[in-house]
Amino acid sequence: MPIKSLIRTIPHYPHKGIMFRDITTLLKDPIGLRTTIQEITKRYQTYSIDKVVGIESRGFIIGAPVAYQLETGFVPIRKPNKLPAQTIGRDYQLEYGNDRIEIHADAVQPGDRVLLVDDLIATGGTAEAAVRLIREMGGEVVECCFVIDLPDVGGRTRLEKMNCKVFSLCKFEGD
């Protein structure tokens, strides 16, 4: 069963013209969820990952079980004012405005080998901001991992221009 077949498409959400790729249908399927975590974990078993960093919020759902399977720590990157200790943050642009993400200032140590995880790569703005935060803290982003890639939107290329390796389990082209 291909993972892609379990991802629902919702036209015109959250704005007209956007084809939203909804992973909740993948997550509620026990075989689909297990397969997703197993495929990602299998890829990174030999990468010597020190931390898995997940981007709010669907990156938490995928990243935490991957960290558990890899026997490493999990670090959340969140929207502003959601983390209780000292944070560092980065602003970035969305297709329809600006946003900000933050990470605990002590979450990534210099030299940590980090796997960045999220559900989807579209324009790459959030992932780029996350990579910049991790690097600012002295971490090495080993790879950026996504369940879904929308290659025509350009996020993969954006990350590759930052010398990031990018992996996804499936692609939705033309959207």
C-alpha atoms as a PDB file:
ATOM      1  CA  MET A   1       0.000   0.000   0.000  1.00  0.00           C
ATOM      2  CA  PRO A   2       1.647   3.250  -1.101  1.00  0.00           C
ATOM      3  CA  ILE A   3       1.685   5.982   1.542  1.00  0.00           C
ATOM      4  CA  LYS A   4       0.617   8.517  -1.073  1.00  0.00           C
ATOM      5  CA  SER A   5      -2.725   6.748  -1.507  1.00  0.00           C
ATOM      6  CA  LEU A   6      -3.587   7.457   2.151  1.00  0.00           C
ATOM      7  CA  ILE A   7      -3.098  11.239   1.891  1.00  0.00           C
ATOM      8  CA  ARG A   8      -6.287  13.230   1.345  1.00  0.00           C
ATOM      9  CA  THR A   9      -6.356  16.276  -0.936  1.00  0.00           C
ATOM     10  CA  ILE A  10      -8.594  19.182   0.048  1.00  0.00           C
ATOM     11  CA  PRO A  11      -9.044  21.734  -2.757  1.00  0.00           C
ATOM     12  CA  HIS A  12      -8.978  25.473  -1.979  1.00  0.00           C
ATOM     13  CA  TYR A  13      -7.761  25.131   1.620  1.00  0.00           C
ATOM     14  CA  PRO A  14      -6.723  27.319   3.373  1.00  0.00           C
ATOM     15  CA  HIS A  15      -6.999  29.647   0.348  1.00  0.00           C
ATOM     16  CA  LYS A  16      -8.502  29.450  -3.110  1.00  0.00           C
ATOM     17  CA  GLY A  17      -6.181  27.699  -5.545  1.00  0.00           C
ATOM     18  CA  ILE A  18      -4.297  25.654  -2.919  1.00  0.00           C
ATOM     19  CA  MET A  19      -4.526  21.865  -2.969  1.00  0.00           C
ATOM     20  CA  PHE A  20      -3.986  21.019   0.709  1.00  0.00           C
ATOM     21  CA  ARG A  21      -2.343  17.635   1.358  1.00  0.00           C
ATOM     22  CA  ASP A  22      -3.870  16.322   4.557  1.00  0.00           C
ATOM     23  CA  ILE A  23      -1.865  13.636   6.380  1.00  0.00           C
ATOM     24  CA  THR A  24      -4.530  13.026   9.043  1.00  0.00           C
ATOM     25  CA  THR A  25      -5.928  10.268   6.835  1.00  0.00           C
ATOM     26  CA  LEU A  26      -2.452   8.678   6.734  1.00  0.00           C
ATOM     27  CA  LEU A  27      -2.025   9.070  10.503  1.00  0.00           C
ATOM     28  CA  LYS A  28      -5.350   7.423  11.367  1.00  0.00           C
ATOM     29  CA  ASP A  29      -4.484   4.347   9.307  1.00  0.00           C
ATOM     30  CA  PRO A  30      -2.471   2.004  11.584  1.00  0.00           C
ATOM     31  CA  ILE A  31      -0.567   0.397   8.720  1.00  0.00           C
ATOM     32  CA  GLY A  32       0.046   3.736   7.021  1.00  0.00           C
ATOM     33  CA  LEU A  33       1.355   5.353  10.199  1.00  0.00           C
ATOM     34  CA  ARG A  34       3.549   2.366  11.049  1.00  0.00           C
ATOM     35  CA  THR A  35       4.899   2.210   7.494  1.00  0.00           C
ATOM     36  CA  THR A  36       5.691   5.943   7.514  1.00  0.00           C
ATOM     37  CA  ILE A  37       7.665   5.742  10.755  1.00  0.00           C
ATOM     38  CA  GLN A  38       9.402   2.510   9.725  1.00  0.00           C
ATOM     39  CA  GLU A  39      10.468   3.863   6.322  1.00  0.00           C
ATOM     40  CA  ILE A  40      11.915   7.031   7.794  1.00  0.00           C
ATOM     41  CA  THR A  41      13.619   5.188  10.650  1.00  0.00           C
ATOM     42  CA  LYS A  42      15.105   2.608   8.292  1.00  0.00           C
ATOM     43  CA  ARG A  43      16.660   5.357   6.177  1.00  0.00           C
ATOM     44  CA  TYR A  44      18.427   6.994   9.131  1.00  0.00           C
ATOM     45  CA  GLN A  45      19.558   4.000  11.211  1.00  0.00           C
ATOM     46  CA  THR A  46      23.179   4.354  10.072  1.00  0.00           C
ATOM     47  CA  TYR A  47      23.363   8.178  10.016  1.00  0.00           C
ATOM     48  CA  SER A  48      24.504   8.689  13.652  1.00  0.00           C
ATOM     49  CA  ILE A  49      21.754  11.197  14.424  1.00  0.00           C
ATOM     50  CA  ASP A  50      22.083  13.029  17.766  1.00  0.00           C
ATOM     51  CA  LYS A  51      18.718  14.838  17.689  1.00  0.00           C
ATOM     52  CA  VAL A  52      15.535  14.730  15.667  1.00  0.00           C
ATOM     53  CA  VAL A  53      14.053  18.221  15.349  1.00  0.00           C
ATOM     54  CA  GLY A  54      10.374  18.435  14.420  1.00  0.00           C
ATOM     55  CA  ILE A  55       8.577  21.521  13.149  1.00  0.00           C
ATOM     56  CA  GLU A  56       5.225  22.382  14.757  1.00  0.00           C
ATOM     57  CA  SER A  57       2.913  20.643  14.667  1.00  0.00           C
ATOM     58  CA  ARG A  58       2.800  17.698  12.294  1.00  0.00           C
ATOM     59  CA  GLY A  59       6.576  17.408  12.483  1.00  0.00           C
ATOM     60  CA  PHE A  60       6.062  16.445  16.134  1.00  0.00           C
ATOM     61  CA  ILE A  61       3.766  13.578  15.177  1.00  0.00           C
ATOM     62  CA  ILE A  62       6.324  12.105  12.779  1.00  0.00           C
ATOM     63  CA  GLY A  63       9.545  13.217  14.465  1.00  0.00           C
ATOM     64  CA  ALA A  64       8.943  11.979  18.015  1.00  0.00           C
ATOM     65  CA  PRO A  65       8.404   8.303  17.096  1.00  0.00           C
ATOM     66  CA  VAL A  66      11.338   8.475  14.676  1.00  0.00           C
ATOM     67  CA  ALA A  67      13.537   9.814  17.499  1.00  0.00           C
ATOM     68  CA  TYR A  68      12.300   7.038  19.765  1.00  0.00           C
ATOM     69  CA  GLN A  69      13.124   4.382  17.157  1.00  0.00           C
ATOM     70  CA  LEU A  70      16.555   5.921  16.513  1.00  0.00           C
ATOM     71  CA  GLU A  71      17.158   6.056  20.288  1.00  0.00           C
ATOM     72  CA  THR A  72      17.913   9.762  20.257  1.00  0.00           C
ATOM     73  CA  GLY A  73      16.370  12.931  21.622  1.00  0.00           C
ATOM     74  CA  PHE A  74      13.511  14.912  20.101  1.00  0.00           C
ATOM     75  CA  VAL A  75      13.478  18.723  19.918  1.00  0.00           C
ATOM     76  CA  PRO A  76      10.391  20.777  18.994  1.00  0.00           C
ATOM     77  CA  ILE A  77      10.512  23.935  16.919  1.00  0.00           C
ATOM     78  CA  ARG A  78       7.419  25.930  17.761  1.00  0.00           C
ATOM     79  CA  LYS A  79       5.498  29.083  17.021  1.00  0.00           C
ATOM     80  CA  PRO A  80       6.275  32.078  19.272  1.00  0.00           C
ATOM     81  CA  ASN A  81       5.577  32.001  23.016  1.00  0.00           C
ATOM     82  CA  LYS A  82       4.936  28.248  23.188  1.00  0.00           C
ATOM     83  CA  LEU A  83       8.235  27.144  24.744  1.00  0.00           C
ATOM     84  CA  PRO A  84       8.758  27.846  28.477  1.00  0.00           C
ATOM     85  CA  ALA A  85      12.539  28.356  28.696  1.00  0.00           C
ATOM     86  CA  GLN A  86      14.860  30.795  26.913  1.00  0.00           C
ATOM     87  CA  THR A  87      14.447  30.613  23.136  1.00  0.00           C
ATOM     88  CA  ILE A  88      16.030  31.845  19.956  1.00  0.00           C
ATOM     89  CA  GLY A  89      13.846  32.526  16.961  1.00  0.00           C
ATOM     90  CA  ARG A  90      13.763  33.382  13.317  1.00  0.00           C
ATOM     91  CA  ASP A  91      11.214  35.258  11.212  1.00  0.00           C
ATOM     92  CA  TYR A  92      10.355  34.023   7.733  1.00  0.00           C
ATOM     93  CA  GLN A  93       7.947  34.774   4.905  1.00  0.00           C
ATOM     94  CA  LEU A  94       4.956  32.697   3.884  1.00  0.00           C
ATOM     95  CA  GLU A  95       3.076  32.872   0.612  1.00  0.00           C
ATOM     96  CA  TYR A  96       0.478  34.989   2.421  1.00  0.00           C
ATOM     97  CA  GLY A  97       2.394  36.869   5.147  1.00  0.00           C
ATOM     98  CA  ASN A  98       5.127  36.538   7.772  1.00  0.00           C
ATOM     99  CA  ASP A  99       5.641  34.107  10.627  1.00  0.00           C
ATOM    100  CA  ARG A 100       8.205  33.138  13.251  1.00  0.00           C
ATOM    101  CA  ILE A 101       9.524  29.936  14.773  1.00  0.00           C
ATOM    102  CA  GLU A 102      11.463  29.390  17.990  1.00  0.00           C
ATOM    103  CA  ILE A 103      13.602  26.715  19.621  1.00  0.00           C
ATOM    104  CA  HIS A 104      14.926  26.392  23.157  1.00  0.00           C
ATOM    105  CA  ALA A 105      18.349  28.017  23.320  1.00  0.00           C
ATOM    106  CA  ASP A 106      19.869  24.879  24.872  1.00  0.00           C
ATOM    107  CA  ALA A 107      18.133  22.295  22.656  1.00  0.00           C
ATOM    108  CA  VAL A 108      20.902  21.754  20.097  1.00  0.00           C
ATOM    109  CA  GLN A 109      24.560  21.656  21.087  1.00  0.00           C
ATOM    110  CA  PRO A 110      27.497  22.546  18.835  1.00  0.00           C
ATOM    111  CA  GLY A 111      28.380  19.518  16.741  1.00  0.00           C
ATOM    112  CA  ASP A 112      24.992  17.786  17.143  1.00  0.00           C
ATOM    113  CA  ARG A 113      24.009  15.851  14.032  1.00  0.00           C
ATOM    114  CA  VAL A 114      20.372  16.784  13.439  1.00  0.00           C
ATOM    115  CA  LEU A 115      17.603  15.260  11.364  1.00  0.00           C
ATOM    116  CA  LEU A 116      14.958  17.906  10.581  1.00  0.00           C
ATOM    117  CA  VAL A 117      11.456  16.444  10.166  1.00  0.00           C
ATOM    118  CA  ASP A 118       8.133  17.843   8.987  1.00  0.00           C
ATOM    119  CA  ASP A 119       5.098  16.527   7.195  1.00  0.00           C
ATOM    120  CA  LEU A 120       5.430  18.538   3.988  1.00  0.00           C
ATOM    121  CA  ILE A 121       7.851  20.709   2.038  1.00  0.00           C
ATOM    122  CA  ALA A 122       6.164  23.340  -0.133  1.00  0.00           C
ATOM    123  CA  THR A 123       7.850  26.752  -0.515  1.00  0.00           C
ATOM    124  CA  GLY A 124      10.441  25.826   2.111  1.00  0.00           C
ATOM    125  CA  GLY A 125      10.216  29.007   4.175  1.00  0.00           C
ATOM    126  CA  THR A 126       9.608  27.294   7.496  1.00  0.00           C
ATOM    127  CA  ALA A 127      12.191  24.585   6.843  1.00  0.00           C
ATOM    128  CA  GLU A 128      14.773  27.183   5.786  1.00  0.00           C
ATOM    129  CA  ALA A 129      14.187  29.144   8.998  1.00  0.00           C
ATOM    130  CA  ALA A 130      14.540  25.911  11.013  1.00  0.00           C
ATOM    131  CA  VAL A 131      17.811  25.010   9.264  1.00  0.00           C
ATOM    132  CA  ARG A 132      19.165  28.490   9.975  1.00  0.00           C
ATOM    133  CA  LEU A 133      18.247  28.175  13.681  1.00  0.00           C
ATOM    134  CA  ILE A 134      19.910  24.765  13.986  1.00  0.00           C
ATOM    135  CA  ARG A 135      23.058  26.011  12.249  1.00  0.00           C
ATOM    136  CA  GLU A 136      23.107  29.161  14.380  1.00  0.00           C
ATOM    137  CA  MET A 137      23.232  26.881  17.434  1.00  0.00           C
ATOM    138  CA  GLY A 138      26.174  24.958  15.953  1.00  0.00           C
ATOM    139  CA  GLY A 139      24.190  21.917  14.850  1.00  0.00           C
ATOM    140  CA  GLU A 140      24.784  20.079  11.595  1.00  0.00           C
ATOM    141  CA  VAL A 141      21.626  19.352   9.597  1.00  0.00           C
ATOM    142  CA  VAL A 142      22.307  15.870   8.268  1.00  0.00           C
ATOM    143  CA  GLU A 143      19.137  15.828   6.172  1.00  0.00           C
ATOM    144  CA  CYS A 144      15.692  17.397   5.945  1.00  0.00           C
ATOM    145  CA  CYS A 145      13.013  14.700   5.879  1.00  0.00           C
ATOM    146  CA  PHE A 146       9.403  15.124   4.824  1.00  0.00           C
ATOM    147  CA  VAL A 147       6.502  12.789   4.261  1.00  0.00           C
ATOM    148  CA  ILE A 148       5.379  14.861   1.252  1.00  0.00           C
ATOM    149  CA  ASP A 149       7.291  16.964  -1.279  1.00  0.00           C
ATOM    150  CA  LEU A 150       5.536  19.447  -3.567  1.00  0.00           C
ATOM    151  CA  PRO A 151       8.482  19.800  -5.978  1.00  0.00           C
ATOM    152  CA  ASP A 152       6.835  22.346  -8.268  1.00  0.00           C
ATOM    153  CA  VAL A 153       6.533  24.850  -5.404  1.00  0.00           C
ATOM    154  CA  GLY A 154      10.317  25.031  -4.968  1.00  0.00           C
ATOM    155  CA  GLY A 155      11.036  24.219  -1.325  1.00  0.00           C
ATOM    156  CA  ARG A 156      13.353  21.309  -2.078  1.00  0.00           C
ATOM    157  CA  THR A 157      15.424  23.493  -4.404  1.00  0.00           C
ATOM    158  CA  ARG A 158      15.496  26.259  -1.798  1.00  0.00           C
ATOM    159  CA  LEU A 159      16.940  23.870   0.809  1.00  0.00           C
ATOM    160  CA  GLU A 160      19.386  22.322  -1.641  1.00  0.00           C
ATOM    161  CA  LYS A 161      20.743  25.812  -2.383  1.00  0.00           C
ATOM    162  CA  MET A 162      21.577  25.942   1.340  1.00  0.00           C
ATOM    163  CA  ASN A 163      23.577  22.720   0.902  1.00  0.00           C
ATOM    164  CA  CYS A 164      20.888  20.646   2.624  1.00  0.00           C
ATOM    165  CA  LYS A 165      20.097  17.108   1.609  1.00  0.00           C
ATOM    166  CA  VAL A 166      16.358  16.554   1.239  1.00  0.00           C
ATOM    167  CA  PHE A 167      14.356  13.327   1.415  1.00  0.00           C
ATOM    168  CA  SER A 168      10.632  12.685   1.104  1.00  0.00           C
ATOM    169  CA  LEU A 169       8.503   9.555   1.118  1.00  0.00           C
ATOM    170  CA  CYS A 170       6.237  10.770  -1.703  1.00  0.00           C
ATOM    171  CA  LYS A 171       5.701  13.631  -4.139  1.00  0.00           C
ATOM    172  CA  PHE A 172       2.647  15.437  -5.461  1.00  0.00           C
ATOM    173  CA  GLU A 173       3.764  17.093  -8.680  1.00  0.00           C
ATOM    174  CA  GLY A 174       1.895  19.844 -10.444  1.00  0.00           C
ATOM    175  CA  ASP A 175       0.454  21.425  -7.335  1.00  0.00           C
END
